[in-house]
Structures are given as C-alpha cells and as structure tokens.
C-alpha cells in the first residue's frame, strides 16, 4: 500500500508542477509563474495514507472515464457489403460450470462460423471454459488473468485497460461482447478508445439488490449500461435492469431478449462413479439434491433445516448439497459446519465444485432451489430435462419456468415450513411426482440453443449494420 501511495503521489505532483510551470497555460494568456520545487510530504498514519490513495485513485478513474464518455466510439465495424464473418470478442470475468459458462459455451457452439467468428478472452482467475469449445471451428480461447474491476482500488486496473486496448486493436473485432456488468466501466473505456462497439449480457436479476458497492463505481456502471445495447435471457432480468437504470423510457438502452436452450450437449466429462458412490451412501434412501453457489449460509441453511425436520419426523431421505464458488473461507467453513452439525456420517453429503452434474442429478428423487433472486436458472432447466421434480422458492426467475403444482412446486422465500410441506408432498406422492416430471419436460421441449444462436447473430448484424449509441 505504501509503495502505491508514494508512486501515485509522485505522479500527482509531477502533473501539478507541470501545470504550475506554465505547460498548461491558457492560449493567449501569460504563462503561469514557476514555483519552487518542494518535496511532497506524505501524511502520517496508515488511515490518512489510505484516504489519500483512494482520493488519487478516484481522481484518476473519473478522469479516464470522462474521457471515454467524450469519445465518439465510431469505427471497428464491418462494412455493410463486406463479405466476411462478423468478428466478436467475448469477455468473461470468471468462468466455471455455472450459468455464465453454460450460456456462453452452448451459444458459441451453435453459432455458424461462416457468419460469426468468435474469440473468447477469459480475464478471471478460474479455470477455462468447457474443453468442447477448444476444437470448435471459428473459436479461439485466450486466458489472461487481470483485474478489470474499477471498484477493486487496484491501480493496476489502469494499466490493464491500456493492455485491453492493445488486445482490441490487434484482434480487430467488430463487436466486444461482455458477460456480466461488474467490469463494464473498464471494458467500456478500452472499447471506446479502440473504437469498437460494446454489448453487455446480463445473466442475473441482481442489479437492484447489490449492497456495499461504492456509489462512484455504481454511477459509472449505470452510465455505461445506459449507452450500450444489453442482452437479457429472461424478462425478469430485463425488468431488473430497467429498474436499476431508472430514468425515462427514451433514455434507456435497447434490451434484447434471448431464450436459453436446454443443455442437451455435454460440456464437461461426467464422473459417473460419483453418482454410483452417492447411491451407495444413500443405501436406498431417496436423494434430495441442492446445487448452490457459496455466497452465504442463508442459501443452503433453509435446505439443511428442512431436511433435518423431515428426518426428525421419520421421513427417509439422503440430502446432497453440491456447492461451488465461495471465495470467502469463513463462508465455506460456516456452511460445512452447519451441514455436519445437522447430519452425521452416512446421513448426508456436501460436495464441492460440482455445479450440476447430470449423472448425480438423474439419481435424485427431488431437486431444491432456495434462491432469493435468479434470472433464468440453468439448474432448474437441467433438473426438468433430466426428469427430476423441482421444489423451488417463489421468485420471478423460478416462476418463468415453474407453474405451481403443474411443472413443479413453489414455496415462499425463506419459509422453511413451506419447503418442508412441499418436500413431504413430492416424496410421499408417486403420482404427483410423475405428473410434475411429464409436464415439466413438455414445457421445455421447444427450447433449443440453435434458436439462441440465431437470436444472438441477429443482434450482431443489427449492431454492425446499424448505428448504435
């Protein structure tokens, strides 16, 4: 921290002294009087230096962002009559076997390489995309870990933005396609400087629910999202974006709606021994399955408590929680401790970094989702495709796929008693379970990733041929 503060202070003083020496004197006016050089004194105390570092960081961030807003951003587009594929550079901050990775991989696999040539730049620290994409025609994948979130207070972000500009100029894409809004301000600055249009794809209806985000960063994010086209895969995600951005209807960007398909093509190799092992551990008891990202205990706590109550009532079941993500060690320890406290050895299993393994899910009697907010959950589509009845919280994202007592069962968010009641129904009633599975499969039968690829190609064509903001 001290080295960064000293470098930032020295850079700030250099600009200030140049201005005072007359290097930036107004045209036609007398030059500014030189001032004697003074050695800058850093404030004493760690807290004061931290405040100075944040001030200088914000000053530089605002200056660069304002410059990007003033650029026209034209150029880099394919000519209307130029016969070659549209070159698209997709950027993802972090990729695992979650929703972002699935949408990106399944869509890219269906894009016609004669129409769209795709390059994927992964700038997060996690593992690359599905290996299925590696040999896909017209697709190139580059992993380049770098920090691009302006809210990180890491001054290396500014160097990474310039690095991204060079990447854009060398790759010469017609469109930059960013997955997720968190890094939108930094990517916007780079795309604007390189003269390439940007489209941002939103994957979750969480924009209006975020807390503890720096107001300056949120303002810049909103400024970017109001100026570039947006892609949403569910009506709830689009509505969340409109509420988040606010303003008059004419001030909002164009939000394109696409429809996700069902994952009928495997992206990762299946570990079939895992499903067999879980069956052995269950010893004939019905498996109750949950897949969740490790954000807080609340996401998994309701599932643990509901299963514990049912076991105490004498209902036979074997809970399995497949959890992924979870950068905070204390959250991982808290969730694991709560699960082990509720279920002893041989009474349930908590598995890490699995997401939604198809072979394991297909052996479950029922699948659960306790989310408080979702866009269009890929896990629910996967459960329906594999013939597993779903019990999920009554939120907008789930209601787009689940009709209560028709294609699945819904319970009020945070209502453990409601979850216990619906789980008991589906575990005890074989006829209900069969009807839910049949109706769910019928409801998603028309979903195809080929349709998604056609919709995305149409968006690209409109951006290349049209004006855009």
Protein backbone atom coordinates (compact mmCIF):
# COMPACT_ATOMS: atom_id res chain seq x y z
CA UNK A 1 0.00 0.00 0.00
CA UNK A 2 2.77 2.47 0.93
CA UNK A 3 4.61 1.99 -2.38
CA UNK A 4 1.42 2.52 -4.38
CA UNK A 5 0.58 5.66 -2.42
CA UNK A 6 4.09 7.10 -2.93
CA UNK A 7 4.01 6.37 -6.69
CA UNK A 8 0.53 7.88 -7.02
CA UNK A 9 1.58 10.95 -5.02
CA UNK A 10 4.71 11.42 -7.13
CA UNK A 11 2.64 11.18 -10.35
CA UNK A 12 0.12 13.66 -8.96
CA UNK A 13 2.89 16.13 -8.00
CA UNK A 14 4.53 15.80 -11.43
CA UNK A 15 1.29 16.84 -13.17
CA UNK A 16 0.70 19.65 -10.69
CA UNK A 17 4.23 21.08 -11.06
CA UNK A 18 3.98 20.92 -14.86
CA UNK A 19 0.72 22.84 -14.74
CA UNK A 20 2.16 25.49 -12.41
CA UNK A 21 5.28 25.91 -14.60
CA UNK A 22 3.05 27.06 -17.42
CA UNK A 23 2.90 23.92 -19.52
CA UNK A 24 -0.89 24.10 -19.49
CA UNK A 25 -1.22 27.90 -19.65
CA UNK A 26 -4.39 29.18 -21.40
CA UNK A 27 -3.95 30.19 -25.06
CA UNK A 28 -3.07 33.86 -25.48
CA UNK A 29 -2.52 34.44 -21.76
CA UNK A 30 0.64 34.88 -19.73
CA UNK A 31 2.34 31.70 -18.57
CA UNK A 32 1.88 30.64 -15.00
CA UNK A 33 4.63 31.68 -12.64
CA UNK A 34 7.06 28.88 -11.86
CA UNK A 35 7.04 27.75 -8.29
CA UNK A 36 9.98 26.41 -6.35
CA UNK A 37 10.17 22.64 -6.23
CA UNK A 38 9.12 21.15 -2.94
CA UNK A 39 9.49 17.61 -1.79
CA UNK A 40 5.95 16.26 -1.27
CA UNK A 41 5.22 15.12 2.24
CA UNK A 42 3.03 12.08 2.68
CA UNK A 43 0.54 12.30 5.50
CA UNK A 44 1.44 10.39 8.64
CA UNK A 45 -0.62 7.41 9.67
CA UNK A 46 -1.90 4.42 7.74
CA UNK A 47 -5.51 5.63 7.70
CA UNK A 48 -4.58 9.04 6.27
CA UNK A 49 -2.44 7.44 3.56
CA UNK A 50 -5.25 5.09 2.68
CA UNK A 51 -7.65 8.03 2.29
CA UNK A 52 -5.12 9.80 0.07
CA UNK A 53 -4.68 6.66 -2.05
CA UNK A 54 -8.46 6.37 -2.52
CA UNK A 55 -8.69 10.08 -3.41
CA UNK A 56 -5.98 9.80 -6.07
CA UNK A 57 -7.43 6.56 -7.41
CA UNK A 58 -10.91 8.10 -7.73
CA UNK A 59 -9.45 11.22 -9.34
CA UNK A 60 -7.67 9.16 -12.00
CA UNK A 61 -10.68 6.88 -12.50
CA UNK A 62 -13.08 9.80 -13.03
CA UNK A 63 -10.68 11.50 -15.45
CA UNK A 64 -10.23 8.41 -17.62
CA UNK A 65 -13.92 7.54 -17.56
CA UNK A 66 -14.97 11.08 -18.51
CA UNK A 67 -12.57 10.94 -21.47
CA UNK A 68 -14.20 7.70 -22.62
CA UNK A 69 -17.66 9.28 -22.50
CA UNK A 70 -16.48 12.15 -24.69
CA UNK A 71 -15.12 9.85 -27.41
CA UNK A 72 -17.42 9.20 -30.35
CA UNK A 73 -16.63 5.47 -30.32
CA UNK A 74 -17.04 5.01 -34.06
CA UNK A 75 -15.13 2.62 -36.26
CA UNK A 76 -14.14 -1.01 -35.93
CA UNK A 77 -17.30 -2.21 -37.66
CA UNK A 78 -17.64 -4.44 -40.67
CA UNK A 79 -18.83 -2.72 -43.83
CA UNK A 80 -22.39 -3.43 -44.96
CA UNK A 81 -21.23 -5.17 -48.12
CA UNK A 82 -18.04 -6.72 -46.72
CA UNK A 83 -18.32 -10.48 -47.12
CA UNK A 84 -16.64 -12.00 -44.10
CA UNK A 85 -17.84 -13.34 -40.73
CA UNK A 86 -18.65 -10.83 -38.01
CA UNK A 87 -15.68 -10.89 -35.61
CA UNK A 88 -16.83 -10.99 -31.99
CA UNK A 89 -14.59 -10.86 -28.92
CA UNK A 90 -16.39 -12.26 -25.87
CA UNK A 91 -15.08 -11.33 -22.42
CA UNK A 92 -15.88 -13.14 -19.17
CA UNK A 93 -14.57 -12.16 -15.75
CA UNK A 94 -14.84 -15.61 -14.16
CA UNK A 95 -15.88 -18.86 -15.76
CA UNK A 96 -16.75 -22.18 -14.13
CA UNK A 97 -19.54 -24.70 -14.64
CA UNK A 98 -22.14 -22.13 -13.61
CA UNK A 99 -24.72 -20.26 -15.65
CA UNK A 100 -22.38 -17.84 -17.46
CA UNK A 101 -20.14 -20.62 -18.71
CA UNK A 102 -23.07 -22.71 -19.92
CA UNK A 103 -24.78 -19.88 -21.79
CA UNK A 104 -21.53 -18.80 -23.43
CA UNK A 105 -20.44 -22.31 -24.41
CA UNK A 106 -23.80 -23.61 -25.63
CA UNK A 107 -24.44 -20.45 -27.69
CA UNK A 108 -20.97 -20.30 -29.25
CA UNK A 109 -21.13 -23.99 -30.18
CA UNK A 110 -24.27 -23.29 -32.25
CA UNK A 111 -23.03 -20.12 -33.98
CA UNK A 112 -22.36 -20.56 -37.70
CA UNK A 113 -18.60 -19.88 -38.18
CA UNK A 114 -19.38 -18.59 -41.69
CA UNK A 115 -21.44 -15.82 -40.08
CA UNK A 116 -19.73 -15.21 -36.72
CA UNK A 117 -16.06 -15.76 -35.81
CA UNK A 118 -15.67 -15.84 -32.01
CA UNK A 119 -12.69 -15.16 -29.79
CA UNK A 120 -13.12 -15.67 -26.04
CA UNK A 121 -10.94 -13.77 -23.59
CA UNK A 122 -11.11 -15.06 -20.02
CA UNK A 123 -9.66 -12.48 -17.65
CA UNK A 124 -10.70 -14.16 -14.39
CA UNK A 125 -8.57 -16.41 -12.18
CA UNK A 126 -10.65 -19.55 -12.62
CA UNK A 127 -10.35 -22.48 -14.98
CA UNK A 128 -11.01 -22.15 -18.73
CA UNK A 129 -14.27 -22.95 -20.43
CA UNK A 130 -15.50 -26.38 -21.44
CA UNK A 131 -12.90 -28.37 -23.43
CA UNK A 132 -15.61 -28.99 -26.04
CA UNK A 133 -15.04 -25.40 -27.23
CA UNK A 134 -11.32 -25.94 -27.86
CA UNK A 135 -11.77 -27.70 -31.18
CA UNK A 136 -14.85 -25.76 -32.27
CA UNK A 137 -14.39 -24.18 -35.76
CA UNK A 138 -14.10 -20.40 -35.75
CA UNK A 139 -13.49 -20.20 -31.97
CA UNK A 140 -10.28 -19.07 -30.26
CA UNK A 141 -9.88 -19.04 -26.47
CA UNK A 142 -7.32 -16.96 -24.58
CA UNK A 143 -6.93 -16.95 -20.80
CA UNK A 144 -5.29 -13.80 -19.46
CA UNK A 145 -5.83 -13.21 -15.73
CA UNK A 146 -6.04 -9.49 -14.97
CA UNK A 147 -8.01 -7.21 -12.67
CA UNK A 148 -10.62 -5.14 -14.54
CA UNK A 149 -12.98 -4.15 -11.74
CA UNK A 150 -12.60 -0.46 -11.00
CA UNK A 151 -14.07 -0.96 -7.54
CA UNK A 152 -11.02 -3.03 -6.56
CA UNK A 153 -8.93 0.10 -5.74
CA UNK A 154 -6.05 -1.58 -7.55
CA UNK A 155 -4.11 0.93 -9.67
CA UNK A 156 -3.03 -1.90 -11.96
CA UNK A 157 -6.53 -1.69 -13.44
CA UNK A 158 -5.46 1.40 -15.42
CA UNK A 159 -2.55 -0.49 -16.97
CA UNK A 160 -4.87 -3.43 -17.69
CA UNK A 161 -7.28 -1.12 -19.51
CA UNK A 162 -4.43 0.00 -21.79
CA UNK A 163 -3.48 -3.65 -22.22
CA UNK A 164 -7.05 -4.38 -23.25
CA UNK A 165 -6.94 -1.53 -25.77
CA UNK A 166 -3.89 -3.15 -27.40
CA UNK A 167 -5.69 -6.53 -27.46
CA UNK A 168 -8.71 -4.95 -29.14
CA UNK A 169 -6.58 -3.20 -31.74
CA UNK A 170 -4.66 -6.39 -32.54
CA UNK A 171 -7.74 -8.65 -32.66
CA UNK A 172 -9.75 -6.01 -34.59
CA UNK A 173 -13.19 -7.34 -33.55
CA UNK A 174 -16.36 -5.79 -34.94
CA UNK A 175 -18.09 -6.18 -31.55
CA UNK A 176 -16.97 -6.66 -27.95
CA UNK A 177 -19.44 -8.87 -26.05
CA UNK A 178 -19.05 -8.64 -22.26
CA UNK A 179 -20.69 -11.19 -19.95
CA UNK A 180 -21.83 -9.51 -16.73
CA UNK A 181 -21.87 -5.81 -15.81
CA UNK A 182 -19.29 -5.70 -12.99
CA UNK A 183 -16.31 -4.86 -15.23
CA UNK A 184 -18.35 -2.84 -17.73
CA UNK A 185 -16.74 0.59 -16.95
CA UNK A 186 -13.17 -0.68 -17.55
CA UNK A 187 -14.11 -2.64 -20.69
CA UNK A 188 -16.11 0.36 -21.93
CA UNK A 189 -13.07 2.64 -21.58
CA UNK A 190 -10.93 0.20 -23.57
CA UNK A 191 -13.57 -0.44 -26.25
CA UNK A 192 -14.26 3.28 -26.62
CA UNK A 193 -10.57 4.06 -27.02
CA UNK A 194 -10.20 1.28 -29.61
CA UNK A 195 -13.34 2.47 -31.42
CA UNK A 196 -15.30 -0.78 -31.06
CA UNK A 197 -18.98 -1.08 -30.05
CA UNK A 198 -19.76 -2.90 -26.79
CA UNK A 199 -22.74 -5.11 -25.89
CA UNK A 200 -23.25 -6.30 -22.29
CA UNK A 201 -25.07 -9.55 -21.47
CA UNK A 202 -26.89 -9.68 -18.12
CA UNK A 203 -27.24 -13.11 -16.51
CA UNK A 204 -28.94 -12.42 -13.16
CA UNK A 205 -31.69 -10.19 -11.80
CA UNK A 206 -29.48 -8.85 -9.03
CA UNK A 207 -28.62 -5.31 -10.15
CA UNK A 208 -31.17 -3.66 -7.85
CA UNK A 209 -30.18 -5.84 -4.86
CA UNK A 210 -26.47 -5.17 -4.56
CA UNK A 211 -25.12 -3.61 -1.37
CA UNK A 212 -21.79 -2.23 -0.15
CA UNK A 213 -20.78 -1.13 -3.67
CA UNK A 214 -19.00 2.22 -3.96
CA UNK A 215 -21.53 4.84 -5.24
CA UNK A 216 -18.98 6.25 -7.70
CA UNK A 217 -18.48 2.83 -9.28
CA UNK A 218 -22.25 2.28 -9.47
CA UNK A 219 -22.71 5.63 -11.19
CA UNK A 220 -20.08 4.78 -13.81
CA UNK A 221 -21.65 1.34 -14.32
CA UNK A 222 -25.05 2.94 -14.91
CA UNK A 223 -23.54 5.46 -17.33
CA UNK A 224 -22.08 2.58 -19.36
CA UNK A 225 -25.21 0.41 -19.31
CA UNK A 226 -27.32 3.36 -20.49
CA UNK A 227 -25.05 3.85 -23.51
CA UNK A 228 -24.67 0.34 -24.93
CA UNK A 229 -27.09 -2.42 -26.00
CA UNK A 230 -27.94 -5.04 -23.39
CA UNK A 231 -28.83 -8.73 -23.76
CA UNK A 232 -31.07 -10.46 -21.21
CA UNK A 233 -32.13 -14.11 -21.27
CA UNK A 234 -35.28 -13.60 -19.20
CA UNK A 235 -37.99 -10.95 -18.84
CA UNK A 236 -37.21 -10.68 -15.11
CA UNK A 237 -33.57 -9.83 -15.85
CA UNK A 238 -34.62 -7.13 -18.33
CA UNK A 239 -37.12 -5.65 -15.86
CA UNK A 240 -34.46 -5.61 -13.11
CA UNK A 241 -32.10 -3.72 -15.44
CA UNK A 242 -34.78 -1.14 -16.25
CA UNK A 243 -35.47 -0.52 -12.56
CA UNK A 244 -31.74 -0.28 -11.83
CA UNK A 245 -31.04 2.22 -14.61
CA UNK A 246 -34.17 4.27 -13.96
CA UNK A 247 -34.84 7.44 -15.97
CA UNK A 248 -37.30 7.97 -18.78
CA UNK A 249 -38.11 5.17 -21.22
CA UNK A 250 -36.39 7.05 -24.06
CA UNK A 251 -33.16 7.27 -22.07
CA UNK A 252 -32.87 3.52 -21.56
CA UNK A 253 -30.77 1.35 -23.87
CA UNK A 254 -32.21 -1.32 -26.13
CA UNK A 255 -32.54 -4.59 -24.20
CA UNK A 256 -32.62 -7.66 -26.44
CA UNK A 257 -34.37 -10.74 -25.07
CA UNK A 258 -32.98 -14.18 -25.93
CA UNK A 259 -34.25 -17.59 -24.89
CA UNK A 260 -31.91 -20.13 -23.34
CA UNK A 261 -32.00 -23.70 -24.60
CA UNK A 262 -31.70 -26.94 -22.66
CA UNK A 263 -28.27 -28.47 -22.17
CA UNK A 264 -28.63 -31.46 -24.47
CA UNK A 265 -24.91 -31.39 -25.28
CA UNK A 266 -22.42 -32.27 -22.54
CA UNK A 267 -19.81 -29.58 -21.86
CA UNK A 268 -17.71 -31.42 -19.30
CA UNK A 269 -16.87 -35.09 -18.92
CA UNK A 270 -19.16 -36.81 -16.43
CA UNK A 271 -17.82 -38.58 -13.37
CA UNK A 272 -20.28 -41.48 -13.36
CA UNK A 273 -18.61 -43.07 -10.36
CA UNK A 274 -19.76 -40.10 -8.26
CA UNK A 275 -23.44 -40.88 -8.87
CA UNK A 276 -22.87 -44.55 -8.06
CA UNK A 277 -20.96 -43.61 -4.90
CA UNK A 278 -23.78 -41.31 -3.70
CA UNK A 279 -26.31 -44.08 -4.34
CA UNK A 280 -24.22 -46.44 -2.24
CA UNK A 281 -24.05 -43.88 0.58
CA UNK A 282 -27.81 -43.30 0.41
CA UNK A 283 -28.50 -47.04 0.88
CA UNK A 284 -31.90 -46.89 -0.76
CA UNK A 285 -33.00 -43.62 0.81
CA UNK A 286 -34.37 -41.01 -1.66
CA UNK A 287 -31.73 -38.41 -2.59
CA UNK A 288 -32.78 -34.76 -2.10
CA UNK A 289 -30.44 -32.63 -4.19
CA UNK A 290 -29.45 -28.96 -3.97
CA UNK A 291 -26.94 -27.06 -6.13
CA UNK A 292 -25.93 -23.60 -4.91
CA UNK A 293 -23.15 -21.03 -5.07
CA UNK A 294 -21.41 -20.46 -1.75
CA UNK A 295 -22.38 -16.85 -1.10
CA UNK A 296 -23.82 -17.14 2.40
CA UNK A 297 -25.22 -19.75 4.77
CA UNK A 298 -28.75 -18.48 4.06
CA UNK A 299 -28.76 -20.02 0.56
CA UNK A 300 -28.15 -23.51 1.95
CA UNK A 301 -29.36 -23.06 5.54
CA UNK A 302 -33.08 -23.39 4.65
CA UNK A 303 -32.35 -26.63 2.76
CA UNK A 304 -30.38 -28.06 5.70
CA UNK A 305 -33.09 -27.13 8.24
CA UNK A 306 -35.95 -28.51 6.09
CA UNK A 307 -34.19 -31.84 5.56
CA UNK A 308 -33.34 -32.05 9.28
CA UNK A 309 -37.00 -31.52 10.25
CA UNK A 310 -38.19 -34.20 7.83
CA UNK A 311 -35.64 -36.69 9.17
CA UNK A 312 -36.82 -35.93 12.73
CA UNK A 313 -40.40 -36.64 11.57
CA UNK A 314 -39.27 -40.06 10.42
CA UNK A 315 -39.20 -39.33 6.66
CA UNK A 316 -36.42 -41.27 4.97
CA UNK A 317 -34.16 -39.13 2.79
CA UNK A 318 -30.50 -38.50 1.98
CA UNK A 319 -29.61 -34.80 1.46
CA UNK A 320 -26.86 -33.96 -1.05
CA UNK A 321 -25.63 -30.37 -1.45
CA UNK A 322 -23.35 -29.65 -4.42
CA UNK A 323 -21.79 -26.25 -3.75
CA UNK A 324 -19.43 -24.20 -5.89
CA UNK A 325 -17.72 -20.81 -5.78
CA UNK A 326 -17.21 -19.38 -2.32
CA UNK A 327 -14.14 -17.18 -2.27
CA UNK A 328 -14.51 -16.48 1.48
CA UNK A 329 -13.08 -19.23 3.66
CA UNK A 330 -15.30 -18.29 6.60
CA UNK A 331 -18.44 -18.86 4.48
CA UNK A 332 -17.17 -22.28 3.36
CA UNK A 333 -16.39 -23.24 6.96
CA UNK A 334 -19.77 -21.96 8.21
CA UNK A 335 -21.75 -23.92 5.60
CA UNK A 336 -19.75 -27.11 6.11
CA UNK A 337 -20.09 -26.82 9.90
CA UNK A 338 -23.87 -26.31 9.69
CA UNK A 339 -24.26 -29.33 7.40
CA UNK A 340 -22.14 -31.61 9.59
CA UNK A 341 -23.97 -30.45 12.71
CA UNK A 342 -27.33 -31.37 11.17
CA UNK A 343 -26.26 -34.67 9.55
CA UNK A 344 -23.74 -37.14 10.85
CA UNK A 345 -21.60 -39.57 8.83
CA UNK A 346 -23.73 -41.56 6.39
CA UNK A 347 -26.73 -39.22 6.81
CA UNK A 348 -25.92 -36.76 4.00
CA UNK A 349 -23.14 -35.42 1.79
CA UNK A 350 -21.85 -31.95 0.94
CA UNK A 351 -19.79 -31.91 -2.28
CA UNK A 352 -17.56 -29.10 -3.58
CA UNK A 353 -17.09 -27.58 -7.06
CA UNK A 354 -19.61 -29.74 -8.88
CA UNK A 355 -22.31 -27.35 -10.05
CA UNK A 356 -25.00 -29.52 -11.69
CA UNK A 357 -23.51 -32.96 -12.52
CA UNK A 358 -26.04 -34.70 -14.77
CA UNK A 359 -25.34 -38.28 -13.67
CA UNK A 360 -25.73 -37.41 -9.99
CA UNK A 361 -28.88 -35.30 -10.56
CA UNK A 362 -30.60 -38.04 -12.56
CA UNK A 363 -30.39 -40.30 -9.47
CA UNK A 364 -32.16 -37.75 -7.22
CA UNK A 365 -35.80 -38.13 -6.16
CA UNK A 366 -36.29 -34.35 -5.94
CA UNK A 367 -34.18 -31.20 -6.55
CA UNK A 368 -34.40 -28.00 -4.49
CA UNK A 369 -33.57 -24.33 -5.07
CA UNK A 370 -33.79 -21.82 -2.19
CA UNK A 371 -32.52 -18.76 -4.10
CA UNK A 372 -33.78 -15.30 -3.20
CA UNK A 373 -33.07 -13.88 -6.66
CA UNK A 374 -32.49 -15.51 -10.05
CA UNK A 375 -32.55 -14.60 -13.71
CA UNK A 376 -33.50 -17.77 -15.55
CA UNK A 377 -31.84 -20.54 -13.50
CA UNK A 378 -29.98 -23.07 -15.65
CA UNK A 379 -30.13 -25.59 -12.82
CA UNK A 380 -33.96 -25.72 -12.98
CA UNK A 381 -33.83 -26.34 -16.73
CA UNK A 382 -31.31 -29.12 -16.11
CA UNK A 383 -33.50 -30.76 -13.45
CA UNK A 384 -36.51 -30.67 -15.78
CA UNK A 385 -34.52 -32.10 -18.71
CA UNK A 386 -33.26 -34.99 -16.58
CA UNK A 387 -36.73 -35.84 -15.25
CA UNK A 388 -36.27 -34.72 -11.64
CA UNK A 389 -39.20 -32.87 -9.98
CA UNK A 390 -38.30 -29.43 -8.61
CA UNK A 391 -39.23 -27.64 -5.40
CA UNK A 392 -38.10 -24.02 -5.50
CA UNK A 393 -38.65 -20.63 -3.89
CA UNK A 394 -41.44 -18.45 -5.25
CA UNK A 395 -39.43 -15.76 -7.07
CA UNK A 396 -39.78 -14.19 -10.53
CA UNK A 397 -36.93 -16.19 -12.10
CA UNK A 398 -38.37 -19.52 -10.94
CA UNK A 399 -41.93 -18.57 -11.96
CA UNK A 400 -40.79 -18.14 -15.56
CA UNK A 401 -40.18 -21.90 -15.65
CA UNK A 402 -42.28 -23.41 -12.85
CA UNK A 403 -46.08 -23.36 -12.52
CA UNK A 404 -47.05 -24.41 -9.03
CA UNK A 405 -48.46 -27.96 -8.82
CA UNK A 406 -48.17 -28.27 -12.62
CA UNK A 407 -44.48 -28.29 -13.61
CA UNK A 408 -43.05 -28.06 -10.09
CA UNK A 409 -43.77 -26.90 -6.55
CA UNK A 410 -43.18 -23.40 -5.14
CA UNK A 411 -42.79 -22.23 -1.54
CA UNK A 412 -42.46 -18.67 -0.11
CA UNK A 413 -38.89 -17.37 0.04
CA UNK A 414 -37.31 -18.08 3.42
CA UNK A 415 -40.29 -20.18 4.60
CA UNK A 416 -38.68 -23.38 5.91
CA UNK A 417 -42.08 -24.74 6.92
CA UNK A 418 -43.34 -24.27 3.36
CA UNK A 419 -40.28 -26.08 1.98
CA UNK A 420 -40.85 -28.97 4.42
CA UNK A 421 -44.50 -29.22 3.35
CA UNK A 422 -43.73 -29.31 -0.40
CA UNK A 423 -40.84 -31.76 0.03
CA UNK A 424 -43.09 -34.07 2.01
CA UNK A 425 -45.71 -33.93 -0.75
CA UNK A 426 -43.34 -34.82 -3.57
CA UNK A 427 -41.52 -37.53 -1.58
CA UNK A 428 -44.73 -39.26 -0.46
CA UNK A 429 -46.84 -38.98 -3.63
CA UNK A 430 -45.53 -41.02 -6.56
CA UNK A 431 -48.39 -39.95 -8.88
CA UNK A 432 -47.70 -36.25 -8.19
CA UNK A 433 -44.00 -36.77 -8.88
CA UNK A 434 -44.71 -38.48 -12.24
CA UNK A 435 -47.15 -35.77 -13.37
CA UNK A 436 -44.71 -32.98 -12.44
CA UNK A 437 -41.90 -34.63 -14.43
CA UNK A 438 -44.05 -35.18 -17.53
CA UNK A 439 -45.43 -31.63 -17.53
CA UNK A 440 -42.00 -30.09 -16.91
CA UNK A 441 -40.42 -31.95 -19.82
CA UNK A 442 -43.27 -30.90 -22.09
CA UNK A 443 -42.92 -27.23 -21.05
CA UNK A 444 -39.25 -27.03 -22.08
CA UNK A 445 -39.40 -29.22 -25.17
CA UNK A 446 -39.26 -26.23 -27.54
CA UNK A 447 -36.12 -24.70 -26.04
CA UNK A 448 -33.14 -25.02 -28.39
CA UNK A 449 -29.72 -23.39 -28.26
CA UNK A 450 -29.87 -23.13 -32.06
CA UNK A 451 -32.67 -20.57 -31.57
CA UNK A 452 -30.50 -18.67 -29.09
CA UNK A 453 -27.60 -18.62 -31.57
CA UNK A 454 -29.89 -17.24 -34.30
CA UNK A 455 -31.17 -14.51 -31.97
CA UNK A 456 -27.62 -13.50 -30.97
CA UNK A 457 -26.48 -13.47 -34.62
CA UNK A 458 -29.37 -11.13 -35.41
CA UNK A 459 -28.25 -8.78 -32.61
CA UNK A 460 -24.72 -8.75 -34.00
CA UNK A 461 -25.99 -7.98 -37.50
CA UNK A 462 -28.02 -5.07 -36.17
CA UNK A 463 -25.02 -3.65 -34.34
CA UNK A 464 -22.70 -3.98 -37.34
CA UNK A 465 -25.13 -2.60 -39.86
CA UNK A 466 -26.99 -0.16 -37.64
CA UNK A 467 -25.88 2.92 -35.83
CA UNK A 468 -25.95 2.18 -32.14
CA UNK A 469 -25.12 4.56 -29.33
